[in-house]
Amino acid sequence: MGLGDMGDKAKHAGEEALGKAKEGVGKATDDDSMQAEGQADQGKANVKQAGDKLADAAKDVTGR
């Protein structure tokens, strides 16, 4: 796993956290648009994190 891989994983985790924060602010302020945006951001981050896991699994199998 390279340093770039770790940076991407941290970035994707940060994106998920930001999405959760947006969703929470949206709920607290009764802002449906912000809440939906936060949920969408979390969804995108989860897809990216799934890609990270798939890449890690491929590296484990191939040894690269």
C-alpha atoms as a PDB file:
ATOM      1  CA  MET A   1       0.000   0.000   0.000  1.00  0.00           C
ATOM      2  CA  GLY A   2       1.523   3.295  -1.096  1.00  0.00           C
ATOM      3  CA  LEU A   3       1.328   6.672   0.546  1.00  0.00           C
ATOM      4  CA  GLY A   4      -1.134   7.811  -2.108  1.00  0.00           C
ATOM      5  CA  ASP A   5      -3.428   4.949  -1.153  1.00  0.00           C
ATOM      6  CA  MET A   6      -3.411   6.055   2.487  1.00  0.00           C
ATOM      7  CA  GLY A   7      -4.119   9.629   1.449  1.00  0.00           C
ATOM      8  CA  ASP A   8      -7.067   8.545  -0.676  1.00  0.00           C
ATOM      9  CA  LYS A   9      -8.478   6.446   2.157  1.00  0.00           C
ATOM     10  CA  ALA A  10      -8.181   9.354   4.577  1.00  0.00           C
ATOM     11  CA  LYS A  11      -9.773  11.699   2.053  1.00  0.00           C
ATOM     12  CA  HIS A  12     -12.675   9.313   1.483  1.00  0.00           C
ATOM     13  CA  ALA A  13     -13.213   8.888   5.229  1.00  0.00           C
ATOM     14  CA  GLY A  14     -13.167  12.669   5.589  1.00  0.00           C
ATOM     15  CA  GLU A  15     -15.744  13.007   2.827  1.00  0.00           C
ATOM     16  CA  GLU A  16     -17.994  10.564   4.656  1.00  0.00           C
ATOM     17  CA  ALA A  17     -17.587  12.492   7.922  1.00  0.00           C
ATOM     18  CA  LEU A  18     -18.395  15.759   6.163  1.00  0.00           C
ATOM     19  CA  GLY A  19     -21.518  14.151   4.692  1.00  0.00           C
ATOM     20  CA  LYS A  20     -22.609  13.008   8.150  1.00  0.00           C
ATOM     21  CA  ALA A  21     -22.054  16.512   9.485  1.00  0.00           C
ATOM     22  CA  LYS A  22     -24.088  18.061   6.663  1.00  0.00           C
ATOM     23  CA  GLU A  23     -26.867  15.571   7.252  1.00  0.00           C
ATOM     24  CA  GLY A  24     -26.861  16.377  10.972  1.00  0.00           C
ATOM     25  CA  VAL A  25     -26.967  20.119  10.360  1.00  0.00           C
ATOM     26  CA  GLY A  26     -29.775  19.587   7.864  1.00  0.00           C
ATOM     27  CA  LYS A  27     -31.766  17.633  10.423  1.00  0.00           C
ATOM     28  CA  ALA A  28     -31.103  20.165  13.171  1.00  0.00           C
ATOM     29  CA  THR A  29     -32.116  23.128  11.015  1.00  0.00           C
ATOM     30  CA  ASP A  30     -34.971  21.332   9.248  1.00  0.00           C
ATOM     31  CA  ASP A  31     -33.152  21.872   5.923  1.00  0.00           C
ATOM     32  CA  ASP A  32     -34.189  18.924   3.754  1.00  0.00           C
ATOM     33  CA  SER A  33     -31.859  20.012   0.949  1.00  0.00           C
ATOM     34  CA  MET A  34     -28.764  20.019   3.173  1.00  0.00           C
ATOM     35  CA  GLN A  35     -29.797  16.733   4.749  1.00  0.00           C
ATOM     36  CA  ALA A  36     -30.145  15.133   1.307  1.00  0.00           C
ATOM     37  CA  GLU A  37     -26.816  16.612   0.195  1.00  0.00           C
ATOM     38  CA  GLY A  38     -25.145  15.108   3.253  1.00  0.00           C
ATOM     39  CA  GLN A  39     -26.672  11.713   2.531  1.00  0.00           C
ATOM     40  CA  ALA A  40     -25.509  11.941  -1.087  1.00  0.00           C
ATOM     41  CA  ASP A  41     -21.987  12.878   0.013  1.00  0.00           C
ATOM     42  CA  GLN A  42     -21.931   9.859   2.325  1.00  0.00           C
ATOM     43  CA  GLY A  43     -23.096   7.610  -0.489  1.00  0.00           C
ATOM     44  CA  LYS A  44     -20.341   8.838  -2.803  1.00  0.00           C
ATOM     45  CA  ALA A  45     -17.735   8.381  -0.086  1.00  0.00           C
ATOM     46  CA  ASN A  46     -18.971   4.851   0.629  1.00  0.00           C
ATOM     47  CA  VAL A  47     -18.624   3.941  -3.047  1.00  0.00           C
ATOM     48  CA  LYS A  48     -15.069   5.295  -3.055  1.00  0.00           C
ATOM     49  CA  GLN A  49     -14.276   3.359   0.135  1.00  0.00           C
ATOM     50  CA  ALA A  50     -15.640   0.182  -1.450  1.00  0.00           C
ATOM     51  CA  GLY A  51     -13.296   0.804  -4.380  1.00  0.00           C
ATOM     52  CA  ASP A  52     -10.403   1.206  -1.928  1.00  0.00           C
ATOM     53  CA  LYS A  53     -11.264  -2.144  -0.343  1.00  0.00           C
ATOM     54  CA  LEU A  54     -11.525  -3.817  -3.742  1.00  0.00           C
ATOM     55  CA  ALA A  55      -8.136  -2.426  -4.757  1.00  0.00           C
ATOM     56  CA  ASP A  56      -6.630  -3.693  -1.495  1.00  0.00           C
ATOM     57  CA  ALA A  57      -8.109  -7.144  -2.065  1.00  0.00           C
ATOM     58  CA  ALA A  58      -6.735  -7.218  -5.607  1.00  0.00           C
ATOM     59  CA  LYS A  59      -3.288  -6.252  -4.296  1.00  0.00           C
ATOM     60  CA  ASP A  60      -3.506  -9.038  -1.702  1.00  0.00           C
ATOM     61  CA  VAL A  61      -4.312 -11.581  -4.415  1.00  0.00           C
ATOM     62  CA  THR A  62      -1.722 -10.399  -6.921  1.00  0.00           C
ATOM     63  CA  GLY A  63       0.934  -9.412  -4.408  1.00  0.00           C
ATOM     64  CA  ARG A  64       1.345  -5.987  -6.029  1.00  0.00           C
END
